[in-house]
Structures are given as structure tokens and as C-alpha cells.
């Protein structure tokens, strides 16, 4: 398409309209408040435009739209996510990836108990996002995409209540290159309750400041296919329980302070081949035989070589 111009507020008068889809155009201006008060609107796709201003209207809404899906990713939206987000309790999907949003996540988000996909990546959001207790009300959540922001704080033990979560990705949080590692991001340990999230297929917590040992409970995540914990401060050895994760195909722990051998992840009798198994095995602290690890890196996680 090649649509330009702005979204007319008069669109909100079309009270039988259920779906607005003008994604991938060059629409500019702000999102009219009137759209959020349309009594039949369930699908709002405005992604891939040049929209500015607030992502949600501020203040009280008399009769909020019964939105199910809202995608405003890849625009130029600014400001904060307001508490008025709580009016849209029917939302299954909210995607605000690749904008310029700032501030913290409002507590009103805990009313979005139907939410299945929440995309916050590539903004300028701050605060201890994984400490918040409101995640305990979002037990239907399947995809949580929060990387490339400025989040901080610890990972709460209550995260284990997200048993339907399929993917948690926080890649490159707060940093843009290896030399910035440990500049911020999530701190503390990876809680043992992560082992309760048995639906996980993708767990990516790269470029954080996590410490302590890898919990043995990771070995309970039998559906896990991708596990990236590179550029943290983990110590100790890789738990032997992880040898039972037979469909795990990508495992990256370079840029940590781990020790021991990874050869248990590649028993000879299994003939297992990894798509990606990367660690700091150019040092004496951690070892990995050729044919097991795909990439061996220096102690700082950089200058990796295929083996």
C-alpha cells in the first residue's frame, strides 16, 4: 500500500466496524481517541506507519472499545503507557515493539488477564519489570518480549506462576555490544521457580547482570529448544539435569564465569548434534570436546571459533 495522511477522528463514528487494518503505510499524526471508544472494534492494526504521540488515550474512557488485538509496532510513538490500559481487559495481543515509549509499566496492566502476547521490545522503558507482582494475574501469557529496553531489578519468584508461557526474551537489555555487558539489566539470581514454567520453548536472558549458579530446575523444561544466558555473571557448573533436555537445540552460555565440562550434553551413544552450543571453552575453567560445542570463546565471551 502507499497510504499517507492522518487517521480521521470521524472513523470512530462507524459503530459497526470491527477491524481496522492500515498496517505498512505512511500514515502520520496521532491515534484518535475516538477509535478507543468504538463499541464494536476488536482488531486494530496500525503497525509499520509513522504515527506519533501516545499509544493509549489518557484519562477516563466512558465506554472503551472491546479490543482483542492491537498492534502499533514500528511507529514513532512516544510518552508512557498510561494506566488507561486497564480499560482494555479483553486484549489477547498488545504489540508496541519498536517505538520510543518511556517510563515504567503501569500497575493497571494486571487487569489484562486474557493477554497471551505482550511485545515491549525496542523502546526506552524502565523499571523492575520482572519484579512486579501483577504478572501473577496474567497466567494466560504465552509470549513476553521485553528486550532492548532499560529494565532493571530482580526476577521475582512469582514468575513461576506463568506456566503457560512459551517464550520469554530479554535480549540485549540495556546494552548494545559485548563491551557494555554488566552495565545494568536484571540482577540477582535466576529463581528456581523457573522450573515450573514447563511450557517454555524459548528462554533468552542475554546481556544482563544475573549472578549465582544455574538452577537445577532448568532440567525440568523438557520443551525447551532455545536457551540463551550469555553475558551474565553465572558461576558454578552447568547442571547435569540439563542432559535430559533432548530437544534443546541452541544453548549459549558464553561470557559467564562457569566451570567444569559440557561433555555430558553430548553423550557419544546419542549421536547428538547441536545447532548452537557456545561457551568460554578457550579457557581452562570450562571444557568442551570437539564435536560437542559448536563454538568456543575466550573468557570474556568474545572471539569465538567454530570447532
C-alpha atoms as a PDB file:
ATOM      1  CA  UNK A   1       0.000   0.000   0.000  1.00  0.00           C
ATOM      2  CA  UNK A   2       1.005   3.643  -0.107  1.00  0.00           C
ATOM      3  CA  UNK A   3      -1.492   5.434   2.100  1.00  0.00           C
ATOM      4  CA  UNK A   4      -0.462   8.781   3.559  1.00  0.00           C
ATOM      5  CA  UNK A   5      -2.110  11.436   5.675  1.00  0.00           C
ATOM      6  CA  UNK A   6      -3.656  11.031   9.132  1.00  0.00           C
ATOM      7  CA  UNK A   7      -6.320   8.840  10.693  1.00  0.00           C
ATOM      8  CA  UNK A   8      -9.563  10.881  10.774  1.00  0.00           C
ATOM      9  CA  UNK A   9     -11.334  11.017  14.117  1.00  0.00           C
ATOM     10  CA  UNK A  10     -14.609  10.561  12.210  1.00  0.00           C
ATOM     11  CA  UNK A  11     -13.635   6.921  11.754  1.00  0.00           C
ATOM     12  CA  UNK A  12     -14.815   6.446  15.306  1.00  0.00           C
ATOM     13  CA  UNK A  13     -18.402   7.085  14.223  1.00  0.00           C
ATOM     14  CA  UNK A  14     -18.528   3.844  12.236  1.00  0.00           C
ATOM     15  CA  UNK A  15     -20.078   1.946  15.092  1.00  0.00           C
ATOM     16  CA  UNK A  16     -20.403  -1.389  13.269  1.00  0.00           C
ATOM     17  CA  UNK A  17     -16.705  -1.545  12.369  1.00  0.00           C
ATOM     18  CA  UNK A  18     -14.834  -4.461  13.949  1.00  0.00           C
ATOM     19  CA  UNK A  19     -11.474  -4.417  12.157  1.00  0.00           C
ATOM     20  CA  UNK A  20      -9.165  -1.511  11.279  1.00  0.00           C
ATOM     21  CA  UNK A  21      -6.109  -2.652   9.343  1.00  0.00           C
ATOM     22  CA  UNK A  22      -3.902   0.012   7.767  1.00  0.00           C
ATOM     23  CA  UNK A  23      -0.544  -1.562   8.557  1.00  0.00           C
ATOM     24  CA  UNK A  24       2.517  -0.969   6.407  1.00  0.00           C
ATOM     25  CA  UNK A  25       1.726   2.503   5.101  1.00  0.00           C
ATOM     26  CA  UNK A  26       2.975   6.040   5.714  1.00  0.00           C
ATOM     27  CA  UNK A  27       0.194   7.227   7.986  1.00  0.00           C
ATOM     28  CA  UNK A  28       1.295  10.048  10.291  1.00  0.00           C
ATOM     29  CA  UNK A  29      -0.195  12.042  13.129  1.00  0.00           C
ATOM     30  CA  UNK A  30      -1.659  10.614  16.323  1.00  0.00           C
ATOM     31  CA  UNK A  31      -4.081   7.790  17.057  1.00  0.00           C
ATOM     32  CA  UNK A  32      -7.513   9.401  17.522  1.00  0.00           C
ATOM     33  CA  UNK A  33      -9.088   8.891  20.934  1.00  0.00           C
ATOM     34  CA  UNK A  34     -12.363   8.098  19.198  1.00  0.00           C
ATOM     35  CA  UNK A  35     -11.024   4.745  17.978  1.00  0.00           C
ATOM     36  CA  UNK A  36     -10.723   3.545  21.546  1.00  0.00           C
ATOM     37  CA  UNK A  37     -14.404   4.253  22.200  1.00  0.00           C
ATOM     38  CA  UNK A  38     -15.817   2.310  19.241  1.00  0.00           C
ATOM     39  CA  UNK A  39     -18.193  -0.223  20.727  1.00  0.00           C
ATOM     40  CA  UNK A  40     -17.578  -2.933  18.114  1.00  0.00           C
ATOM     41  CA  UNK A  41     -13.840  -2.527  17.405  1.00  0.00           C
ATOM     42  CA  UNK A  42     -11.927  -5.722  18.150  1.00  0.00           C
ATOM     43  CA  UNK A  43      -8.902  -5.609  15.841  1.00  0.00           C
ATOM     44  CA  UNK A  44      -6.634  -2.571  15.475  1.00  0.00           C
ATOM     45  CA  UNK A  45      -3.581  -2.995  13.226  1.00  0.00           C
ATOM     46  CA  UNK A  46      -1.614   0.227  12.770  1.00  0.00           C
ATOM     47  CA  UNK A  47       1.899  -1.224  12.683  1.00  0.00           C
ATOM     48  CA  UNK A  48       4.525  -0.059  10.211  1.00  0.00           C
ATOM     49  CA  UNK A  49       3.494   3.583   9.885  1.00  0.00           C
ATOM     50  CA  UNK A  50       4.780   6.969  11.089  1.00  0.00           C
ATOM     51  CA  UNK A  51       2.371   7.537  13.965  1.00  0.00           C
ATOM     52  CA  UNK A  52       3.376   9.761  16.865  1.00  0.00           C
ATOM     53  CA  UNK A  53       2.029  10.653  20.288  1.00  0.00           C
ATOM     54  CA  UNK A  54       0.512   8.415  22.929  1.00  0.00           C
ATOM     55  CA  UNK A  55      -0.091   4.729  22.426  1.00  0.00           C
ATOM     56  CA  UNK A  56      -3.290   4.842  24.522  1.00  0.00           C
ATOM     57  CA  UNK A  57      -5.519   7.826  25.325  1.00  0.00           C
ATOM     58  CA  UNK A  58      -5.029   9.382  28.726  1.00  0.00           C
ATOM     59  CA  UNK A  59      -7.771   9.941  31.242  1.00  0.00           C
ATOM     60  CA  UNK A  60     -11.114   8.232  31.718  1.00  0.00           C
ATOM     61  CA  UNK A  61     -12.838   6.483  28.832  1.00  0.00           C
ATOM     62  CA  UNK A  62     -16.601   6.377  29.014  1.00  0.00           C
ATOM     63  CA  UNK A  63     -17.126   3.189  27.015  1.00  0.00           C
ATOM     64  CA  UNK A  64     -13.836   1.587  25.973  1.00  0.00           C
ATOM     65  CA  UNK A  65     -13.676  -0.482  22.804  1.00  0.00           C
ATOM     66  CA  UNK A  66     -13.694  -4.290  23.309  1.00  0.00           C
ATOM     67  CA  UNK A  67     -10.276  -4.653  21.695  1.00  0.00           C
ATOM     68  CA  UNK A  68      -8.826  -8.152  21.331  1.00  0.00           C
ATOM     69  CA  UNK A  69      -5.772  -7.440  19.153  1.00  0.00           C
ATOM     70  CA  UNK A  70      -3.788  -4.206  18.996  1.00  0.00           C
ATOM     71  CA  UNK A  71      -0.565  -3.911  17.006  1.00  0.00           C
ATOM     72  CA  UNK A  72       1.104  -0.492  16.813  1.00  0.00           C
ATOM     73  CA  UNK A  73       4.672  -1.735  16.416  1.00  0.00           C
ATOM     74  CA  UNK A  74       7.240   0.041  14.220  1.00  0.00           C
ATOM     75  CA  UNK A  75       5.943   3.565  14.584  1.00  0.00           C
ATOM     76  CA  UNK A  76       7.278   6.652  16.388  1.00  0.00           C
ATOM     77  CA  UNK A  77       5.007   6.588  19.401  1.00  0.00           C
ATOM     78  CA  UNK A  78       6.330   8.352  22.493  1.00  0.00           C
ATOM     79  CA  UNK A  79       5.356   9.025  26.081  1.00  0.00           C
ATOM     80  CA  UNK A  80       4.405   6.431  28.665  1.00  0.00           C
ATOM     81  CA  UNK A  81       2.000   3.512  28.712  1.00  0.00           C
ATOM     82  CA  UNK A  82      -0.824   5.061  30.789  1.00  0.00           C
ATOM     83  CA  UNK A  83      -2.977   3.449  33.441  1.00  0.00           C
ATOM     84  CA  UNK A  84      -5.887   3.648  30.990  1.00  0.00           C
ATOM     85  CA  UNK A  85      -4.516   0.421  29.510  1.00  0.00           C
ATOM     86  CA  UNK A  86      -6.516  -1.291  32.246  1.00  0.00           C
ATOM     87  CA  UNK A  87      -9.740  -0.420  30.388  1.00  0.00           C
ATOM     88  CA  UNK A  88      -8.895  -2.949  27.686  1.00  0.00           C
ATOM     89  CA  UNK A  89      -9.153  -6.095  29.781  1.00  0.00           C
ATOM     90  CA  UNK A  90     -10.151  -8.246  26.765  1.00  0.00           C
ATOM     91  CA  UNK A  91      -6.812  -7.835  24.991  1.00  0.00           C
ATOM     92  CA  UNK A  92      -5.199 -11.052  23.789  1.00  0.00           C
ATOM     93  CA  UNK A  93      -2.348  -9.305  21.948  1.00  0.00           C
ATOM     94  CA  UNK A  94      -0.614  -5.991  22.556  1.00  0.00           C
ATOM     95  CA  UNK A  95       2.406  -5.225  20.391  1.00  0.00           C
ATOM     96  CA  UNK A  96       4.223  -1.900  20.867  1.00  0.00           C
ATOM     97  CA  UNK A  97       7.650  -3.154  19.703  1.00  0.00           C
ATOM     98  CA  UNK A  98       9.993  -0.668  18.004  1.00  0.00           C
ATOM     99  CA  UNK A  99       8.709   2.682  19.215  1.00  0.00           C
ATOM    100  CA  UNK A 100      10.069   5.333  21.585  1.00  0.00           C
ATOM    101  CA  UNK A 101       7.988   4.661  24.675  1.00  0.00           C
ATOM    102  CA  UNK A 102       9.391   5.667  28.046  1.00  0.00           C
ATOM    103  CA  UNK A 103       8.556   5.268  31.718  1.00  0.00           C
ATOM    104  CA  UNK A 104       7.600   2.218  33.733  1.00  0.00           C
ATOM    105  CA  UNK A 105       4.936  -0.419  33.167  1.00  0.00           C
ATOM    106  CA  UNK A 106       1.729   0.777  34.905  1.00  0.00           C
ATOM    107  CA  UNK A 107       0.225  -1.364  37.636  1.00  0.00           C
ATOM    108  CA  UNK A 108      -3.090  -1.332  35.753  1.00  0.00           C
ATOM    109  CA  UNK A 109      -1.673  -3.892  33.358  1.00  0.00           C
ATOM    110  CA  UNK A 110      -2.602  -6.552  35.917  1.00  0.00           C
ATOM    111  CA  UNK A 111      -6.194  -6.364  34.654  1.00  0.00           C
ATOM    112  CA  UNK A 112      -5.171  -7.775  31.290  1.00  0.00           C
ATOM    113  CA  UNK A 113      -5.677 -11.330  32.475  1.00  0.00           C
ATOM    114  CA  UNK A 114      -6.597 -12.530  28.963  1.00  0.00           C
ATOM    115  CA  UNK A 115      -3.278 -11.368  27.499  1.00  0.00           C
ATOM    116  CA  UNK A 116      -1.391 -14.023  25.517  1.00  0.00           C
ATOM    117  CA  UNK A 117       1.250 -11.946  23.720  1.00  0.00           C
ATOM    118  CA  UNK A 118       2.866  -8.801  25.111  1.00  0.00           C
ATOM    119  CA  UNK A 119       5.554  -7.212  22.945  1.00  0.00           C
ATOM    120  CA  UNK A 120       7.501  -4.335  24.533  1.00  0.00           C
ATOM    121  CA  UNK A 121      10.882  -4.754  22.834  1.00  0.00           C
ATOM    122  CA  UNK A 122      12.931  -1.882  21.375  1.00  0.00           C
ATOM    123  CA  UNK A 123      11.658   1.043  23.383  1.00  0.00           C
ATOM    124  CA  UNK A 124      13.097   3.112  26.239  1.00  0.00           C
ATOM    125  CA  UNK A 125      11.052   1.573  29.040  1.00  0.00           C
ATOM    126  CA  UNK A 126      12.491   1.409  32.551  1.00  0.00           C
ATOM    127  CA  UNK A 127      11.860  -0.101  35.958  1.00  0.00           C
ATOM    128  CA  UNK A 128      11.946  -3.517  37.607  1.00  0.00           C
ATOM    129  CA  UNK A 129       9.585  -5.144  35.143  1.00  0.00           C
ATOM    130  CA  UNK A 130      10.054  -8.758  36.308  1.00  0.00           C
ATOM    131  CA  UNK A 131       9.676  -7.849  39.977  1.00  0.00           C
ATOM    132  CA  UNK A 132       6.110  -6.704  39.589  1.00  0.00           C
ATOM    133  CA  UNK A 133       3.500  -8.911  41.275  1.00  0.00           C
ATOM    134  CA  UNK A 134       0.941  -8.159  38.548  1.00  0.00           C
ATOM    135  CA  UNK A 135       2.402 -10.925  36.384  1.00  0.00           C
ATOM    136  CA  UNK A 136       0.655 -13.350  38.746  1.00  0.00           C
ATOM    137  CA  UNK A 137      -2.697 -12.270  37.242  1.00  0.00           C
ATOM    138  CA  UNK A 138      -1.541 -12.829  33.657  1.00  0.00           C
ATOM    139  CA  UNK A 139      -1.438 -16.615  33.764  1.00  0.00           C
ATOM    140  CA  UNK A 140      -2.622 -16.909  30.141  1.00  0.00           C
ATOM    141  CA  UNK A 141       0.503 -15.142  28.890  1.00  0.00           C
ATOM    142  CA  UNK A 142       2.362 -17.173  26.239  1.00  0.00           C
ATOM    143  CA  UNK A 143       4.857 -14.700  24.732  1.00  0.00           C
ATOM    144  CA  UNK A 144       6.654 -11.957  26.678  1.00  0.00           C
ATOM    145  CA  UNK A 145       9.099  -9.958  24.535  1.00  0.00           C
ATOM    146  CA  UNK A 146      10.854  -7.247  26.550  1.00  0.00           C
ATOM    147  CA  UNK A 147      14.427  -6.871  25.231  1.00  0.00           C
ATOM    148  CA  UNK A 148      16.258  -3.721  24.146  1.00  0.00           C
ATOM    149  CA  UNK A 149      14.837  -1.516  26.873  1.00  0.00           C
ATOM    150  CA  UNK A 150      16.304  -0.212  30.130  1.00  0.00           C
ATOM    151  CA  UNK A 151      14.615  -2.591  32.554  1.00  0.00           C
ATOM    152  CA  UNK A 152      16.291  -3.427  35.843  1.00  0.00           C
ATOM    153  CA  UNK A 153      15.666  -5.151  39.159  1.00  0.00           C
ATOM    154  CA  UNK A 154      15.413  -8.818  40.021  1.00  0.00           C
ATOM    155  CA  UNK A 155      13.351 -11.681  38.635  1.00  0.00           C
ATOM    156  CA  UNK A 156      10.577 -12.438  41.114  1.00  0.00           C
ATOM    157  CA  UNK A 157       9.911 -15.998  42.239  1.00  0.00           C
ATOM    158  CA  UNK A 158       6.276 -15.473  41.197  1.00  0.00           C
ATOM    159  CA  UNK A 159       7.386 -15.769  37.591  1.00  0.00           C
ATOM    160  CA  UNK A 160       6.942 -19.491  38.089  1.00  0.00           C
ATOM    161  CA  UNK A 161       3.177 -18.929  38.020  1.00  0.00           C
ATOM    162  CA  UNK A 162       3.387 -18.210  34.282  1.00  0.00           C
ATOM    163  CA  UNK A 163       3.022 -21.891  33.465  1.00  0.00           C
ATOM    164  CA  UNK A 164       1.568 -21.181  30.009  1.00  0.00           C
ATOM    165  CA  UNK A 165       4.497 -19.019  28.957  1.00  0.00           C
ATOM    166  CA  UNK A 166       6.068 -20.271  25.745  1.00  0.00           C
ATOM    167  CA  UNK A 167       8.716 -17.606  25.210  1.00  0.00           C
ATOM    168  CA  UNK A 168      10.472 -15.075  27.438  1.00  0.00           C
ATOM    169  CA  UNK A 169      13.031 -12.997  25.552  1.00  0.00           C
ATOM    170  CA  UNK A 170      15.069 -10.155  27.033  1.00  0.00           C
ATOM    171  CA  UNK A 171      17.924  -9.957  24.550  1.00  0.00           C
ATOM    172  CA  UNK A 172      20.453  -7.119  24.753  1.00  0.00           C
ATOM    173  CA  UNK A 173      18.654  -5.365  27.576  1.00  0.00           C
ATOM    174  CA  UNK A 174      20.353  -2.017  28.348  1.00  0.00           C
ATOM    175  CA  UNK A 175      23.423  -2.684  26.182  1.00  0.00           C
ATOM    176  CA  UNK A 176      24.333  -2.816  22.513  1.00  0.00           C
ATOM    177  CA  UNK A 177      27.704  -4.575  22.424  1.00  0.00           C
ATOM    178  CA  UNK A 178      29.778  -7.054  24.411  1.00  0.00           C
ATOM    179  CA  UNK A 179      31.955  -4.355  25.998  1.00  0.00           C
ATOM    180  CA  UNK A 180      28.838  -2.896  27.652  1.00  0.00           C
ATOM    181  CA  UNK A 181      27.996  -6.182  29.393  1.00  0.00           C
ATOM    182  CA  UNK A 182      27.117  -5.903  33.083  1.00  0.00           C
ATOM    183  CA  UNK A 183      26.125  -2.250  32.576  1.00  0.00           C
ATOM    184  CA  UNK A 184      22.729  -2.912  34.100  1.00  0.00           C
ATOM    185  CA  UNK A 185      19.729  -5.037  33.301  1.00  0.00           C
ATOM    186  CA  UNK A 186      18.326  -7.716  35.563  1.00  0.00           C
ATOM    187  CA  UNK A 187      20.249  -8.547  38.710  1.00  0.00           C
ATOM    188  CA  UNK A 188      20.161 -11.253  41.344  1.00  0.00           C
ATOM    189  CA  UNK A 189      19.743 -14.935  40.682  1.00  0.00           C
ATOM    190  CA  UNK A 190      17.629 -16.891  38.232  1.00  0.00           C
ATOM    191  CA  UNK A 191      14.954 -18.230  40.609  1.00  0.00           C
ATOM    192  CA  UNK A 192      14.417 -21.963  40.941  1.00  0.00           C
ATOM    193  CA  UNK A 193      10.738 -21.378  40.202  1.00  0.00           C
ATOM    194  CA  UNK A 194      11.674 -21.053  36.538  1.00  0.00           C
ATOM    195  CA  UNK A 195      11.428 -24.843  36.528  1.00  0.00           C
ATOM    196  CA  UNK A 196       7.647 -24.530  36.978  1.00  0.00           C
ATOM    197  CA  UNK A 197       7.337 -22.823  33.592  1.00  0.00           C
ATOM    198  CA  UNK A 198       7.089 -26.152  31.824  1.00  0.00           C
ATOM    199  CA  UNK A 199       5.628 -24.696  28.624  1.00  0.00           C
ATOM    200  CA  UNK A 200       8.797 -22.743  27.811  1.00  0.00           C
ATOM    201  CA  UNK A 201      10.393 -23.382  24.443  1.00  0.00           C
ATOM    202  CA  UNK A 202      12.496 -20.192  24.381  1.00  0.00           C
ATOM    203  CA  UNK A 203      14.251 -18.522  27.333  1.00  0.00           C
ATOM    204  CA  UNK A 204      16.656 -15.727  26.401  1.00  0.00           C
ATOM    205  CA  UNK A 205      18.211 -13.522  29.086  1.00  0.00           C
ATOM    206  CA  UNK A 206      21.255 -12.129  27.297  1.00  0.00           C
ATOM    207  CA  UNK A 207      23.415  -9.184  28.432  1.00  0.00           C
ATOM    208  CA  UNK A 208      22.004  -8.998  31.936  1.00  0.00           C
ATOM    209  CA  UNK A 209      23.751  -8.918  35.325  1.00  0.00           C
ATOM    210  CA  UNK A 210      22.412 -12.191  36.696  1.00  0.00           C
ATOM    211  CA  UNK A 211      24.575 -13.983  39.249  1.00  0.00           C
ATOM    212  CA  UNK A 212      24.702 -17.245  41.193  1.00  0.00           C
ATOM    213  CA  UNK A 213      24.505 -20.747  39.808  1.00  0.00           C
ATOM    214  CA  UNK A 214      22.236 -22.106  37.099  1.00  0.00           C
ATOM    215  CA  UNK A 215      19.261 -23.721  38.865  1.00  0.00           C
ATOM    216  CA  UNK A 216      18.984 -27.490  38.502  1.00  0.00           C
ATOM    217  CA  UNK A 217      15.283 -26.918  37.841  1.00  0.00           C
ATOM    218  CA  UNK A 218      16.184 -25.890  34.293  1.00  0.00           C
ATOM    219  CA  UNK A 219      16.340 -29.618  33.680  1.00  0.00           C
ATOM    220  CA  UNK A 220      12.540 -29.759  34.090  1.00  0.00           C
ATOM    221  CA  UNK A 221      11.908 -27.658  30.983  1.00  0.00           C
ATOM    222  CA  UNK A 222      11.542 -30.574  28.587  1.00  0.00           C
ATOM    223  CA  UNK A 223      10.026 -28.447  25.784  1.00  0.00           C
ATOM    224  CA  UNK A 224      12.945 -26.008  25.748  1.00  0.00           C
ATOM    225  CA  UNK A 225      14.553 -25.544  22.326  1.00  0.00           C
ATOM    226  CA  UNK A 226      16.451 -22.288  22.794  1.00  0.00           C
ATOM    227  CA  UNK A 227      18.283 -21.238  25.972  1.00  0.00           C
ATOM    228  CA  UNK A 228      20.466 -18.133  25.865  1.00  0.00           C
ATOM    229  CA  UNK A 229      22.102 -16.954  29.069  1.00  0.00           C
ATOM    230  CA  UNK A 230      25.198 -15.387  27.543  1.00  0.00           C
ATOM    231  CA  UNK A 231      26.902 -12.329  29.015  1.00  0.00           C
ATOM    232  CA  UNK A 232      25.801 -12.632  32.621  1.00  0.00           C
ATOM    233  CA  UNK A 233      27.777 -13.447  35.771  1.00  0.00           C
ATOM    234  CA  UNK A 234      26.729 -17.026  36.387  1.00  0.00           C
ATOM    235  CA  UNK A 235      29.175 -19.219  38.297  1.00  0.00           C
ATOM    236  CA  UNK A 236      29.470 -22.928  39.050  1.00  0.00           C
ATOM    237  CA  UNK A 237      28.833 -25.732  36.598  1.00  0.00           C
ATOM    238  CA  UNK A 238      26.092 -26.491  34.106  1.00  0.00           C
ATOM    239  CA  UNK A 239      23.598 -28.731  35.953  1.00  0.00           C
ATOM    240  CA  UNK A 240      23.730 -32.373  34.922  1.00  0.00           C
ATOM    241  CA  UNK A 241      19.921 -32.330  34.917  1.00  0.00           C
ATOM    242  CA  UNK A 242      20.105 -30.402  31.659  1.00  0.00           C
ATOM    243  CA  UNK A 243      21.417 -33.509  29.934  1.00  0.00           C
ATOM    244  CA  UNK A 244      17.769 -34.647  29.815  1.00  0.00           C
ATOM    245  CA  UNK A 245      16.657 -31.732  27.627  1.00  0.00           C
ATOM    246  CA  UNK A 246      16.697 -33.805  24.470  1.00  0.00           C
ATOM    247  CA  UNK A 247      15.093 -31.258  22.129  1.00  0.00           C
ATOM    248  CA  UNK A 248      17.215 -28.328  23.314  1.00  0.00           C
ATOM    249  CA  UNK A 249      18.981 -27.236  20.134  1.00  0.00           C
ATOM    250  CA  UNK A 250      20.553 -23.878  20.995  1.00  0.00           C
ATOM    251  CA  UNK A 251      22.379 -23.346  24.289  1.00  0.00           C
ATOM    252  CA  UNK A 252      24.606 -20.291  24.724  1.00  0.00           C
ATOM    253  CA  UNK A 253      26.425 -19.537  27.987  1.00  0.00           C
ATOM    254  CA  UNK A 254      29.474 -17.619  26.751  1.00  0.00           C
ATOM    255  CA  UNK A 255      30.526 -14.537  28.699  1.00  0.00           C
ATOM    256  CA  UNK A 256      29.924 -16.036  32.151  1.00  0.00           C
ATOM    257  CA  UNK A 257      32.159 -17.468  34.883  1.00  0.00           C
ATOM    258  CA  UNK A 258      31.131 -21.102  34.557  1.00  0.00           C
ATOM    259  CA  UNK A 259      33.471 -24.023  35.157  1.00  0.00           C
ATOM    260  CA  UNK A 260      33.555 -27.765  34.513  1.00  0.00           C
ATOM    261  CA  UNK A 261      32.859 -29.850  31.431  1.00  0.00           C
ATOM    262  CA  UNK A 262      29.988 -29.639  28.970  1.00  0.00           C
ATOM    263  CA  UNK A 263      30.655 -33.068  27.502  1.00  0.00           C
ATOM    264  CA  UNK A 264      27.714 -34.527  29.411  1.00  0.00           C
ATOM    265  CA  UNK A 265      25.482 -32.633  26.992  1.00  0.00           C
ATOM    266  CA  UNK A 266      26.892 -34.701  24.130  1.00  0.00           C
ATOM    267  CA  UNK A 267      26.915 -38.393  25.107  1.00  0.00           C
ATOM    268  CA  UNK A 268      28.643 -40.393  22.383  1.00  0.00           C
ATOM    269  CA  UNK A 269      25.945 -43.051  22.239  1.00  0.00           C
ATOM    270  CA  UNK A 270      23.249 -40.469  21.453  1.00  0.00           C
ATOM    271  CA  UNK A 271      24.951 -39.010  18.384  1.00  0.00           C
ATOM    272  CA  UNK A 272      23.524 -35.660  19.410  1.00  0.00           C
ATOM    273  CA  UNK A 273      24.361 -32.668  17.206  1.00  0.00           C
ATOM    274  CA  UNK A 274      23.728 -29.127  18.361  1.00  0.00           C
ATOM    275  CA  UNK A 275      22.745 -26.262  16.073  1.00  0.00           C
ATOM    276  CA  UNK A 276      24.499 -23.942  18.525  1.00  0.00           C
ATOM    277  CA  UNK A 277      26.350 -24.784  21.743  1.00  0.00           C
ATOM    278  CA  UNK A 278      28.639 -21.895  22.678  1.00  0.00           C
ATOM    279  CA  UNK A 279      30.726 -21.454  25.831  1.00  0.00           C
ATOM    280  CA  UNK A 280      34.032 -19.985  27.010  1.00  0.00           C
ATOM    281  CA  UNK A 281      35.936 -23.186  26.290  1.00  0.00           C
ATOM    282  CA  UNK A 282      39.100 -21.435  25.101  1.00  0.00           C
ATOM    283  CA  UNK A 283      39.964 -21.222  28.815  1.00  0.00           C
ATOM    284  CA  UNK A 284      40.939 -23.841  31.395  1.00  0.00           C
ATOM    285  CA  UNK A 285      37.831 -23.219  33.503  1.00  0.00           C
ATOM    286  CA  UNK A 286      35.319 -24.844  31.174  1.00  0.00           C
ATOM    287  CA  UNK A 287      35.945 -27.658  28.732  1.00  0.00           C
ATOM    288  CA  UNK A 288      34.042 -28.970  25.763  1.00  0.00           C
ATOM    289  CA  UNK A 289      35.286 -31.607  23.349  1.00  0.00           C
ATOM    290  CA  UNK A 290      35.360 -31.052  19.590  1.00  0.00           C
ATOM    291  CA  UNK A 291      32.164 -32.353  18.106  1.00  0.00           C
ATOM    292  CA  UNK A 292      30.218 -31.282  21.190  1.00  0.00           C
ATOM    293  CA  UNK A 293      30.425 -27.491  21.364  1.00  0.00           C
ATOM    294  CA  UNK A 294      29.928 -25.721  18.059  1.00  0.00           C
ATOM    295  CA  UNK A 295      31.673 -22.536  19.219  1.00  0.00           C
ATOM    296  CA  UNK A 296      34.462 -21.998  21.759  1.00  0.00           C
ATOM    297  CA  UNK A 297      35.003 -18.449  23.001  1.00  0.00           C
ATOM    298  CA  UNK A 298      37.537 -16.541  25.061  1.00  0.00           C
ATOM    299  CA  UNK A 299      36.878 -15.945  28.755  1.00  0.00           C
ATOM    300  CA  UNK A 300      35.016 -12.692  28.058  1.00  0.00           C
ATOM    301  CA  UNK A 301      32.681 -14.408  25.596  1.00  0.00           C
ATOM    302  CA  UNK A 302      34.222 -12.738  22.564  1.00  0.00           C
ATOM    303  CA  UNK A 303      36.325 -14.028  19.643  1.00  0.00           C
ATOM    304  CA  UNK A 304      34.512 -17.306  19.288  1.00  0.00           C
ATOM    305  CA  UNK A 305      35.794 -20.021  16.971  1.00  0.00           C
ATOM    306  CA  UNK A 306      33.882 -22.885  15.441  1.00  0.00           C
ATOM    307  CA  UNK A 307      35.235 -26.294  16.466  1.00  0.00           C
END
